[in-house]
Amino acid sequence: MEETLLLCEVYDVLFEDELSPDENVRGLVASLRENAQKKEFDALEEELPGAIDALESERDDIKSELQHELHDIEERIGGFEALNRRIGKIDPDRIDSLKETVSKLDQVTIEPDTEFEQRAQEIRSITQEFENELRDVESSLFEDFRGSDIEGLIRSLLRGEELRLSERSAEDLMSLKDSELEPYVTLSLEGQ
């Protein structure tokens, strides 16, 4: 259960929605604790196999949800990397560090010599540092585009969204053409 709760800590720091273990699983854990405190070993023995399966399933579900969201961040970082190769705005090591950190955020560990709350605080701190650096890198990359006509357009492209000419104004397209990204923009026509 502790691993599941630590995964939830990562999720809660990075995303607006909160993620928490299912109430039924929490109830199972509470029942196990109660039976252990009362030294009701027969009841423990009976509940334990089902509880272990439920805990593992809940951990896997939460980890899967976290990995799905982290994948989106990895793609965003890939967009930062591509943009930075073109404009050379920040040290590439910063982006490499982000890529390395995001790939490990779903790999929380329980340390037997560390109190759970202390470990949870460490996880929150690591995740918050990552989020702060992610925002700082994004801010640095977009500094030259901030307030321009194409800021939203560039952000959309980095999120992997397609640029449809029919949905853009002539001013948007001219601003993109006149930007320092002009040499990297290509037009392709696709049939239906």
N, C-alpha and C. Protein backbone atom coordinates (compact mmCIF):
# COMPACT_ATOMS: atom_id res chain seq x y z
N MET A 1 0.83 -1.20 0.00
CA MET A 1 0.00 0.00 0.00
C MET A 1 0.87 1.26 0.00
N GLU A 2 2.02 1.19 0.68
CA GLU A 2 2.89 2.37 0.73
C GLU A 2 3.39 2.76 -0.65
N GLU A 3 3.74 1.77 -1.47
CA GLU A 3 4.20 2.08 -2.83
C GLU A 3 3.09 2.77 -3.61
N THR A 4 1.87 2.29 -3.46
CA THR A 4 0.72 2.90 -4.13
C THR A 4 0.53 4.34 -3.68
N LEU A 5 0.65 4.57 -2.39
CA LEU A 5 0.49 5.93 -1.87
C LEU A 5 1.60 6.86 -2.37
N LEU A 6 2.82 6.33 -2.50
CA LEU A 6 3.92 7.14 -3.02
C LEU A 6 3.70 7.48 -4.50
N LEU A 7 3.17 6.54 -5.27
CA LEU A 7 2.84 6.83 -6.67
C LEU A 7 1.78 7.92 -6.75
N CYS A 8 0.83 7.87 -5.82
CA CYS A 8 -0.20 8.91 -5.77
C CYS A 8 0.42 10.27 -5.45
N GLU A 9 1.43 10.30 -4.60
CA GLU A 9 2.12 11.56 -4.28
C GLU A 9 2.71 12.19 -5.54
N VAL A 10 3.37 11.36 -6.37
CA VAL A 10 3.94 11.86 -7.62
C VAL A 10 2.84 12.45 -8.49
N TYR A 11 1.76 11.71 -8.65
CA TYR A 11 0.65 12.15 -9.48
C TYR A 11 0.06 13.46 -8.97
N ASP A 12 -0.16 13.53 -7.67
CA ASP A 12 -0.80 14.71 -7.09
C ASP A 12 0.03 15.97 -7.24
N VAL A 13 1.36 15.84 -7.21
CA VAL A 13 2.22 17.02 -7.39
C VAL A 13 2.17 17.49 -8.85
N LEU A 14 2.16 16.56 -9.79
CA LEU A 14 2.27 16.93 -11.20
C LEU A 14 0.96 17.31 -11.87
N PHE A 15 -0.15 16.79 -11.38
CA PHE A 15 -1.40 16.96 -12.10
C PHE A 15 -2.47 17.55 -11.19
N GLU A 16 -3.43 18.21 -11.79
CA GLU A 16 -4.47 18.89 -11.03
C GLU A 16 -5.38 17.92 -10.30
N ASP A 17 -5.70 16.81 -10.93
CA ASP A 17 -6.55 15.81 -10.29
C ASP A 17 -5.75 15.07 -9.22
N GLU A 18 -6.45 14.62 -8.20
CA GLU A 18 -5.80 13.80 -7.18
C GLU A 18 -6.07 12.34 -7.49
N LEU A 19 -5.12 11.52 -7.19
CA LEU A 19 -5.24 10.09 -7.38
C LEU A 19 -5.06 9.45 -6.02
N SER A 20 -5.95 8.54 -5.66
CA SER A 20 -5.81 7.87 -4.37
C SER A 20 -6.33 6.44 -4.50
N PRO A 21 -5.85 5.57 -3.64
CA PRO A 21 -6.29 4.17 -3.69
C PRO A 21 -7.79 4.06 -3.45
N ASP A 22 -8.37 3.05 -4.05
CA ASP A 22 -9.79 2.76 -3.93
C ASP A 22 -10.17 2.56 -2.47
N GLU A 23 -11.36 3.02 -2.10
CA GLU A 23 -11.84 2.90 -0.72
C GLU A 23 -11.93 1.44 -0.26
N ASN A 24 -12.30 0.53 -1.17
CA ASN A 24 -12.37 -0.89 -0.80
C ASN A 24 -11.00 -1.42 -0.40
N VAL A 25 -9.98 -1.00 -1.12
CA VAL A 25 -8.61 -1.44 -0.81
C VAL A 25 -8.17 -0.83 0.53
N ARG A 26 -8.50 0.42 0.74
CA ARG A 26 -8.18 1.04 2.03
C ARG A 26 -8.88 0.30 3.17
N GLY A 27 -10.12 -0.12 2.93
CA GLY A 27 -10.86 -0.88 3.93
C GLY A 27 -10.21 -2.22 4.23
N LEU A 28 -9.71 -2.87 3.19
CA LEU A 28 -9.00 -4.14 3.39
C LEU A 28 -7.77 -3.95 4.26
N VAL A 29 -7.02 -2.91 3.98
CA VAL A 29 -5.81 -2.63 4.77
C VAL A 29 -6.17 -2.32 6.21
N ALA A 30 -7.21 -1.55 6.40
CA ALA A 30 -7.66 -1.23 7.77
C ALA A 30 -8.08 -2.50 8.50
N SER A 31 -8.76 -3.38 7.82
CA SER A 31 -9.19 -4.65 8.43
C SER A 31 -7.99 -5.51 8.80
N LEU A 32 -7.00 -5.55 7.92
CA LEU A 32 -5.78 -6.32 8.22
C LEU A 32 -5.08 -5.76 9.46
N ARG A 33 -4.96 -4.44 9.52
CA ARG A 33 -4.32 -3.81 10.68
C ARG A 33 -5.08 -4.12 11.97
N GLU A 34 -6.38 -4.02 11.89
CA GLU A 34 -7.21 -4.27 13.06
C GLU A 34 -7.05 -5.72 13.53
N ASN A 35 -7.09 -6.65 12.61
CA ASN A 35 -6.91 -8.06 12.98
C ASN A 35 -5.52 -8.33 13.52
N ALA A 36 -4.52 -7.65 12.97
CA ALA A 36 -3.15 -7.83 13.47
C ALA A 36 -3.02 -7.28 14.89
N GLN A 37 -3.62 -6.10 15.14
CA GLN A 37 -3.56 -5.52 16.48
C GLN A 37 -4.29 -6.38 17.50
N LYS A 38 -5.38 -7.00 17.09
CA LYS A 38 -6.16 -7.85 17.99
C LYS A 38 -5.60 -9.28 18.06
N LYS A 39 -4.56 -9.50 17.27
CA LYS A 39 -3.91 -10.82 17.20
C LYS A 39 -4.90 -11.91 16.80
N GLU A 40 -5.75 -11.56 15.86
CA GLU A 40 -6.70 -12.53 15.31
C GLU A 40 -6.08 -13.12 14.04
N PHE A 41 -5.19 -14.08 14.26
CA PHE A 41 -4.38 -14.63 13.18
C PHE A 41 -5.19 -15.45 12.18
N ASP A 42 -6.24 -16.10 12.62
CA ASP A 42 -7.08 -16.86 11.69
C ASP A 42 -7.76 -15.92 10.69
N ALA A 43 -8.27 -14.82 11.18
CA ALA A 43 -8.90 -13.83 10.30
C ALA A 43 -7.87 -13.23 9.34
N LEU A 44 -6.67 -12.96 9.85
CA LEU A 44 -5.59 -12.44 9.00
C LEU A 44 -5.26 -13.41 7.88
N GLU A 45 -5.12 -14.67 8.26
CA GLU A 45 -4.77 -15.70 7.29
C GLU A 45 -5.83 -15.82 6.20
N GLU A 46 -7.07 -15.65 6.58
CA GLU A 46 -8.18 -15.74 5.64
C GLU A 46 -8.21 -14.52 4.69
N GLU A 47 -7.96 -13.32 5.22
CA GLU A 47 -8.05 -12.10 4.42
C GLU A 47 -6.81 -11.83 3.58
N LEU A 48 -5.67 -12.31 4.02
CA LEU A 48 -4.39 -11.93 3.41
C LEU A 48 -4.29 -12.21 1.91
N PRO A 49 -4.60 -13.40 1.41
CA PRO A 49 -4.43 -13.63 -0.04
C PRO A 49 -5.25 -12.67 -0.90
N GLY A 50 -6.50 -12.47 -0.56
CA GLY A 50 -7.34 -11.54 -1.32
C GLY A 50 -6.85 -10.11 -1.20
N ALA A 51 -6.38 -9.75 -0.01
CA ALA A 51 -5.88 -8.39 0.20
C ALA A 51 -4.62 -8.14 -0.62
N ILE A 52 -3.73 -9.11 -0.67
CA ILE A 52 -2.50 -8.96 -1.46
C ILE A 52 -2.84 -8.77 -2.93
N ASP A 53 -3.76 -9.58 -3.44
CA ASP A 53 -4.16 -9.44 -4.84
C ASP A 53 -4.77 -8.07 -5.10
N ALA A 54 -5.62 -7.62 -4.20
CA ALA A 54 -6.27 -6.31 -4.36
C ALA A 54 -5.24 -5.18 -4.30
N LEU A 55 -4.29 -5.29 -3.39
CA LEU A 55 -3.25 -4.26 -3.27
C LEU A 55 -2.38 -4.20 -4.52
N GLU A 56 -1.99 -5.36 -5.03
CA GLU A 56 -1.16 -5.40 -6.23
C GLU A 56 -1.93 -4.85 -7.43
N SER A 57 -3.19 -5.21 -7.54
CA SER A 57 -4.02 -4.72 -8.64
C SER A 57 -4.19 -3.20 -8.57
N GLU A 58 -4.43 -2.70 -7.37
CA GLU A 58 -4.60 -1.25 -7.19
C GLU A 58 -3.29 -0.51 -7.50
N ARG A 59 -2.17 -1.06 -7.05
CA ARG A 59 -0.87 -0.45 -7.36
C ARG A 59 -0.65 -0.41 -8.87
N ASP A 60 -0.96 -1.51 -9.54
CA ASP A 60 -0.77 -1.58 -10.99
C ASP A 60 -1.68 -0.59 -11.72
N ASP A 61 -2.92 -0.44 -11.26
CA ASP A 61 -3.85 0.51 -11.88
C ASP A 61 -3.35 1.94 -11.73
N ILE A 62 -2.91 2.28 -10.54
CA ILE A 62 -2.43 3.64 -10.29
C ILE A 62 -1.13 3.90 -11.05
N LYS A 63 -0.25 2.91 -11.08
CA LYS A 63 1.00 3.06 -11.81
C LYS A 63 0.72 3.24 -13.31
N SER A 64 -0.25 2.51 -13.83
CA SER A 64 -0.62 2.63 -15.23
C SER A 64 -1.15 4.03 -15.55
N GLU A 65 -2.00 4.55 -14.69
CA GLU A 65 -2.54 5.90 -14.88
C GLU A 65 -1.40 6.94 -14.84
N LEU A 66 -0.50 6.79 -13.88
CA LEU A 66 0.64 7.69 -13.78
C LEU A 66 1.52 7.59 -15.02
N GLN A 67 1.81 6.38 -15.47
CA GLN A 67 2.66 6.20 -16.65
C GLN A 67 2.03 6.83 -17.89
N HIS A 68 0.72 6.72 -18.01
CA HIS A 68 0.02 7.34 -19.14
C HIS A 68 0.25 8.86 -19.15
N GLU A 69 0.09 9.47 -17.99
CA GLU A 69 0.28 10.92 -17.89
C GLU A 69 1.75 11.31 -18.06
N LEU A 70 2.66 10.50 -17.54
CA LEU A 70 4.09 10.80 -17.69
C LEU A 70 4.51 10.68 -19.15
N HIS A 71 3.87 9.80 -19.89
CA HIS A 71 4.18 9.66 -21.31
C HIS A 71 3.90 10.98 -22.04
N ASP A 72 2.81 11.63 -21.68
CA ASP A 72 2.50 12.94 -22.28
C ASP A 72 3.59 13.96 -21.96
N ILE A 73 4.09 13.92 -20.74
CA ILE A 73 5.18 14.84 -20.36
C ILE A 73 6.44 14.50 -21.13
N GLU A 74 6.73 13.21 -21.30
CA GLU A 74 7.90 12.80 -22.08
C GLU A 74 7.83 13.34 -23.51
N GLU A 75 6.64 13.27 -24.10
CA GLU A 75 6.47 13.81 -25.46
C GLU A 75 6.66 15.32 -25.47
N ARG A 76 6.18 15.98 -24.46
CA ARG A 76 6.36 17.43 -24.35
C ARG A 76 7.84 17.77 -24.26
N ILE A 77 8.57 17.01 -23.45
CA ILE A 77 10.01 17.23 -23.32
C ILE A 77 10.71 16.97 -24.65
N GLY A 78 10.24 15.97 -25.39
CA GLY A 78 10.78 15.71 -26.72
C GLY A 78 10.57 16.91 -27.64
N GLY A 79 9.42 17.56 -27.50
CA GLY A 79 9.16 18.78 -28.27
C GLY A 79 10.11 19.90 -27.86
N PHE A 80 10.36 20.00 -26.56
CA PHE A 80 11.33 21.01 -26.08
C PHE A 80 12.69 20.76 -26.71
N GLU A 81 13.07 19.49 -26.73
CA GLU A 81 14.38 19.12 -27.27
C GLU A 81 14.47 19.49 -28.76
N ALA A 82 13.42 19.17 -29.51
CA ALA A 82 13.42 19.50 -30.94
C ALA A 82 13.49 21.01 -31.16
N LEU A 83 12.70 21.75 -30.40
CA LEU A 83 12.72 23.21 -30.53
C LEU A 83 14.09 23.76 -30.14
N ASN A 84 14.65 23.26 -29.07
CA ASN A 84 15.95 23.76 -28.62
C ASN A 84 17.06 23.46 -29.62
N ARG A 85 16.98 22.32 -30.32
CA ARG A 85 17.99 22.02 -31.35
C ARG A 85 17.96 23.10 -32.43
N ARG A 86 16.79 23.65 -32.67
CA ARG A 86 16.65 24.64 -33.73
C ARG A 86 17.02 26.06 -33.27
N ILE A 87 16.69 26.38 -32.03
CA ILE A 87 16.93 27.76 -31.60
C ILE A 87 18.09 27.89 -30.62
N GLY A 88 18.58 26.76 -30.06
CA GLY A 88 19.75 26.78 -29.18
C GLY A 88 19.61 27.71 -27.99
N LYS A 89 18.45 27.73 -27.39
CA LYS A 89 18.16 28.69 -26.32
C LYS A 89 18.71 28.26 -24.95
N ILE A 90 18.69 26.95 -24.66
CA ILE A 90 19.13 26.50 -23.33
C ILE A 90 20.13 25.36 -23.46
N ASP A 91 20.82 25.08 -22.37
CA ASP A 91 21.78 23.98 -22.31
C ASP A 91 21.04 22.66 -22.50
N PRO A 92 21.42 21.85 -23.49
CA PRO A 92 20.73 20.58 -23.74
C PRO A 92 20.78 19.62 -22.54
N ASP A 93 21.76 19.80 -21.66
CA ASP A 93 21.85 18.94 -20.48
C ASP A 93 20.63 19.11 -19.57
N ARG A 94 20.04 20.29 -19.57
CA ARG A 94 18.84 20.51 -18.76
C ARG A 94 17.69 19.65 -19.27
N ILE A 95 17.56 19.58 -20.57
CA ILE A 95 16.50 18.76 -21.16
C ILE A 95 16.80 17.28 -20.94
N ASP A 96 18.06 16.89 -21.09
CA ASP A 96 18.44 15.50 -20.82
C ASP A 96 18.12 15.11 -19.38
N SER A 97 18.37 16.02 -18.47
CA SER A 97 18.07 15.76 -17.05
C SER A 97 16.57 15.58 -16.84
N LEU A 98 15.76 16.40 -17.51
CA LEU A 98 14.31 16.25 -17.43
C LEU A 98 13.88 14.88 -17.95
N LYS A 99 14.45 14.48 -19.10
CA LYS A 99 14.10 13.18 -19.68
C LYS A 99 14.47 12.04 -18.73
N GLU A 100 15.61 12.15 -18.12
CA GLU A 100 16.05 11.10 -17.19
C GLU A 100 15.14 11.05 -15.96
N THR A 101 14.81 12.20 -15.42
CA THR A 101 13.96 12.24 -14.22
C THR A 101 12.57 11.73 -14.51
N VAL A 102 11.96 12.17 -15.61
CA VAL A 102 10.58 11.75 -15.90
C VAL A 102 10.50 10.24 -16.11
N SER A 103 11.58 9.65 -16.62
CA SER A 103 11.56 8.21 -16.84
C SER A 103 11.62 7.41 -15.54
N LYS A 104 11.96 8.09 -14.44
CA LYS A 104 12.09 7.40 -13.15
C LYS A 104 10.98 7.74 -12.16
N LEU A 105 10.12 8.68 -12.51
CA LEU A 105 9.12 9.14 -11.54
C LEU A 105 8.10 8.07 -11.16
N ASP A 106 7.96 7.05 -11.98
CA ASP A 106 7.01 5.98 -11.64
C ASP A 106 7.70 4.81 -10.94
N GLN A 107 8.94 5.01 -10.53
CA GLN A 107 9.70 3.95 -9.88
C GLN A 107 10.01 4.33 -8.44
N VAL A 108 8.98 4.38 -7.62
CA VAL A 108 9.17 4.72 -6.21
C VAL A 108 9.58 3.47 -5.45
N THR A 109 10.36 3.68 -4.43
CA THR A 109 10.82 2.55 -3.61
C THR A 109 10.49 2.81 -2.15
N ILE A 110 10.30 1.71 -1.45
CA ILE A 110 10.08 1.76 -0.01
C ILE A 110 11.43 1.50 0.65
N GLU A 111 11.80 2.37 1.56
CA GLU A 111 13.06 2.20 2.26
C GLU A 111 12.76 1.83 3.70
N PRO A 112 13.13 0.62 4.11
CA PRO A 112 12.75 0.12 5.43
C PRO A 112 13.24 0.99 6.60
N ASP A 113 14.36 1.66 6.42
CA ASP A 113 14.92 2.46 7.51
C ASP A 113 14.36 3.88 7.55
N THR A 114 13.45 4.20 6.63
CA THR A 114 12.90 5.55 6.54
C THR A 114 11.41 5.51 6.86
N GLU A 115 10.98 6.42 7.70
CA GLU A 115 9.56 6.53 8.01
C GLU A 115 8.79 6.87 6.74
N PHE A 116 7.57 6.37 6.65
CA PHE A 116 6.78 6.58 5.43
C PHE A 116 6.59 8.06 5.14
N GLU A 117 6.22 8.85 6.12
CA GLU A 117 5.96 10.27 5.87
C GLU A 117 7.22 10.99 5.38
N GLN A 118 8.38 10.59 5.89
CA GLN A 118 9.64 11.18 5.43
C GLN A 118 9.89 10.81 3.97
N ARG A 119 9.63 9.55 3.62
CA ARG A 119 9.82 9.10 2.24
C ARG A 119 8.82 9.81 1.32
N ALA A 120 7.58 9.97 1.77
CA ALA A 120 6.57 10.67 0.98
C ALA A 120 7.02 12.11 0.74
N GLN A 121 7.59 12.75 1.75
CA GLN A 121 8.07 14.13 1.59
C GLN A 121 9.23 14.18 0.59
N GLU A 122 10.12 13.19 0.63
CA GLU A 122 11.22 13.13 -0.33
C GLU A 122 10.68 13.01 -1.76
N ILE A 123 9.69 12.15 -1.93
CA ILE A 123 9.07 11.95 -3.26
C ILE A 123 8.41 13.25 -3.73
N ARG A 124 7.67 13.89 -2.84
CA ARG A 124 7.03 15.17 -3.20
C ARG A 124 8.07 16.20 -3.60
N SER A 125 9.17 16.25 -2.85
CA SER A 125 10.22 17.23 -3.11
C SER A 125 10.88 16.98 -4.48
N ILE A 126 11.22 15.73 -4.76
CA ILE A 126 11.83 15.38 -6.05
C ILE A 126 10.89 15.73 -7.19
N THR A 127 9.62 15.40 -7.01
CA THR A 127 8.64 15.66 -8.05
C THR A 127 8.42 17.15 -8.24
N GLN A 128 8.38 17.90 -7.15
CA GLN A 128 8.20 19.35 -7.24
C GLN A 128 9.40 20.00 -7.91
N GLU A 129 10.61 19.54 -7.60
CA GLU A 129 11.81 20.06 -8.26
C GLU A 129 11.75 19.80 -9.77
N PHE A 130 11.30 18.60 -10.14
CA PHE A 130 11.15 18.27 -11.55
C PHE A 130 10.15 19.21 -12.21
N GLU A 131 9.00 19.39 -11.58
CA GLU A 131 7.96 20.25 -12.15
C GLU A 131 8.47 21.69 -12.30
N ASN A 132 9.18 22.18 -11.30
CA ASN A 132 9.73 23.54 -11.38
C ASN A 132 10.72 23.67 -12.53
N GLU A 133 11.59 22.68 -12.71
CA GLU A 133 12.57 22.72 -13.79
C GLU A 133 11.87 22.61 -15.15
N LEU A 134 10.83 21.78 -15.23
CA LEU A 134 10.06 21.64 -16.46
C LEU A 134 9.46 22.99 -16.86
N ARG A 135 8.87 23.67 -15.90
CA ARG A 135 8.29 24.99 -16.19
C ARG A 135 9.35 26.02 -16.56
N ASP A 136 10.49 25.96 -15.87
CA ASP A 136 11.57 26.90 -16.15
C ASP A 136 12.13 26.69 -17.56
N VAL A 137 12.33 25.43 -17.93
CA VAL A 137 12.84 25.13 -19.28
C VAL A 137 11.83 25.60 -20.32
N GLU A 138 10.56 25.31 -20.09
CA GLU A 138 9.53 25.74 -21.03
C GLU A 138 9.50 27.27 -21.14
N SER A 139 9.60 27.93 -20.01
CA SER A 139 9.59 29.39 -20.00
C SER A 139 10.78 29.95 -20.77
N SER A 140 11.95 29.37 -20.56
CA SER A 140 13.16 29.82 -21.26
C SER A 140 13.03 29.61 -22.76
N LEU A 141 12.49 28.46 -23.15
CA LEU A 141 12.35 28.17 -24.58
C LEU A 141 11.37 29.12 -25.27
N PHE A 142 10.34 29.51 -24.55
CA PHE A 142 9.30 30.33 -25.16
C PHE A 142 9.52 31.83 -24.95
N GLU A 143 10.62 32.18 -24.34
CA GLU A 143 10.88 33.59 -24.04
C GLU A 143 10.76 34.47 -25.29
N ASP A 144 11.35 34.04 -26.39
CA ASP A 144 11.32 34.85 -27.61
C ASP A 144 9.95 34.85 -28.29
N PHE A 145 9.11 33.87 -27.94
CA PHE A 145 7.79 33.76 -28.57
C PHE A 145 6.68 34.34 -27.70
N ARG A 146 7.00 34.59 -26.41
CA ARG A 146 5.98 35.04 -25.46
C ARG A 146 5.36 36.36 -25.93
N GLY A 147 4.06 36.35 -25.97
CA GLY A 147 3.34 37.54 -26.37
C GLY A 147 3.23 37.72 -27.87
N SER A 148 3.91 36.86 -28.62
CA SER A 148 3.85 36.98 -30.08
C SER A 148 2.59 36.32 -30.61
N ASP A 149 2.33 36.55 -31.87
CA ASP A 149 1.16 35.97 -32.51
C ASP A 149 1.25 34.45 -32.61
N ILE A 150 2.46 33.92 -32.55
CA ILE A 150 2.62 32.48 -32.78
C ILE A 150 2.90 31.67 -31.51
N GLU A 151 2.87 32.30 -30.34
CA GLU A 151 3.16 31.55 -29.11
C GLU A 151 2.23 30.34 -28.97
N GLY A 152 0.94 30.55 -29.11
CA GLY A 152 -0.02 29.45 -28.99
C GLY A 152 0.19 28.40 -30.07
N LEU A 153 0.53 28.85 -31.24
CA LEU A 153 0.78 27.95 -32.36
C LEU A 153 1.99 27.05 -32.07
N ILE A 154 3.06 27.63 -31.57
CA ILE A 154 4.26 26.87 -31.25
C ILE A 154 3.96 25.86 -30.14
N ARG A 155 3.25 26.28 -29.13
CA ARG A 155 2.88 25.37 -28.04
C ARG A 155 2.04 24.20 -28.57
N SER A 156 1.13 24.48 -29.47
CA SER A 156 0.30 23.43 -30.06
C SER A 156 1.15 22.43 -30.84
N LEU A 157 2.09 22.96 -31.62
CA LEU A 157 2.96 22.08 -32.39
C LEU A 157 3.80 21.18 -31.48
N LEU A 158 4.27 21.75 -30.36
CA LEU A 158 5.08 20.95 -29.43
C LEU A 158 4.25 19.88 -28.74
N ARG A 159 2.96 20.11 -28.61
CA ARG A 159 2.08 19.09 -28.02
C ARG A 159 1.73 18.02 -29.04
N GLY A 160 2.25 18.17 -30.27
CA GLY A 160 2.00 17.17 -31.29
C GLY A 160 0.74 17.41 -32.09
N GLU A 161 0.13 18.56 -31.92
CA GLU A 161 -1.08 18.88 -32.67
C GLU A 161 -0.69 19.27 -34.09
N GLU A 162 -1.55 18.93 -35.01
CA GLU A 162 -1.32 19.29 -36.41
C GLU A 162 -1.68 20.74 -36.64
N LEU A 163 -0.97 21.36 -37.56
CA LEU A 163 -1.27 22.72 -37.98
C LEU A 163 -2.06 22.62 -39.29
N ARG A 164 -3.29 23.03 -39.24
CA ARG A 164 -4.14 22.99 -40.44
C ARG A 164 -4.24 24.41 -41.00
N LEU A 165 -3.82 24.54 -42.24
CA LEU A 165 -3.81 25.86 -42.87
C LEU A 165 -5.19 26.48 -42.91
N SER A 166 -6.20 25.67 -43.10
CA SER A 166 -7.56 26.21 -43.19
C SER A 166 -8.06 26.77 -41.87
N GLU A 167 -7.39 26.42 -40.77
CA GLU A 167 -7.81 26.89 -39.45
C GLU A 167 -6.96 28.06 -38.96
N ARG A 168 -6.03 28.51 -39.76
CA ARG A 168 -5.11 29.59 -39.35
C ARG A 168 -5.32 30.82 -40.20
N SER A 169 -5.12 31.94 -39.56
CA SER A 169 -5.22 33.19 -40.30
C SER A 169 -3.93 33.43 -41.09
N ALA A 170 -4.03 34.29 -42.06
CA ALA A 170 -2.85 34.65 -42.86
C ALA A 170 -1.79 35.29 -41.96
N GLU A 171 -2.24 36.05 -40.94
CA GLU A 171 -1.28 36.69 -40.02
C GLU A 171 -0.50 35.64 -39.24
N ASP A 172 -1.19 34.58 -38.77
CA ASP A 172 -0.51 33.49 -38.05
C ASP A 172 0.57 32.87 -38.92
N LEU A 173 0.21 32.58 -40.15
CA LEU A 173 1.15 31.92 -41.06
C LEU A 173 2.33 32.83 -41.41
N MET A 174 2.07 34.10 -41.59
CA MET A 174 3.16 35.04 -41.88
C MET A 174 4.06 35.20 -40.66
N SER A 175 3.48 35.24 -39.47
CA SER A 175 4.28 35.35 -38.25
C SER A 175 5.17 34.13 -38.09
N LEU A 176 4.65 32.97 -38.39
CA LEU A 176 5.45 31.74 -38.31
C LEU A 176 6.57 31.78 -39.36
N LYS A 177 6.24 32.22 -40.54
CA LYS A 177 7.23 32.31 -41.61
C LYS A 177 8.34 33.30 -41.24
N ASP A 178 7.97 34.39 -40.59
CA ASP A 178 8.94 35.43 -40.24
C ASP A 178 9.72 35.12 -38.97
N SER A 179 9.36 34.06 -38.26
CA SER A 179 10.05 33.72 -37.01
C SER A 179 11.35 32.98 -37.31
N GLU A 180 12.12 32.75 -36.25
CA GLU A 180 13.37 32.02 -36.43
C GLU A 180 13.14 30.54 -36.70
N LEU A 181 11.89 30.10 -36.66
CA LEU A 181 11.57 28.70 -36.97
C LEU A 181 11.26 28.49 -38.45
N GLU A 182 11.19 29.56 -39.22
CA GLU A 182 10.82 29.47 -40.63
C GLU A 182 11.62 28.40 -41.39
N PRO A 183 12.94 28.26 -41.18
CA PRO A 183 13.67 27.25 -41.95
C PRO A 183 13.24 25.81 -41.62
N TYR A 184 12.53 25.62 -40.53
CA TYR A 184 12.18 24.27 -40.09
C TYR A 184 10.74 23.91 -40.33
N VAL A 185 9.98 24.83 -40.86
CA VAL A 185 8.57 24.58 -41.14
C VAL A 185 8.44 24.07 -42.56
N THR A 186 7.77 22.94 -42.72
CA THR A 186 7.54 22.40 -44.03
C THR A 186 6.05 22.22 -44.25
N LEU A 187 5.67 22.26 -45.48
CA LEU A 187 4.26 22.12 -45.84
C LEU A 187 4.13 20.80 -46.58
N SER A 188 3.17 19.99 -46.17
CA SER A 188 2.89 18.77 -46.91
C SER A 188 1.41 18.65 -47.14
N LEU A 189 1.05 18.17 -48.30
CA LEU A 189 -0.35 18.01 -48.65
C LEU A 189 -0.68 16.52 -48.59
N GLU A 190 -1.80 16.22 -47.96
CA GLU A 190 -2.22 14.84 -47.85
C GLU A 190 -3.60 14.70 -48.44
N GLY A 191 -3.82 13.64 -49.19
CA GLY A 191 -5.13 13.39 -49.75
C GLY A 191 -6.03 12.69 -48.75
N GLN A 192 -7.29 12.70 -49.06
CA GLN A 192 -8.27 12.08 -48.15
C GLN A 192 -8.32 10.61 -48.39
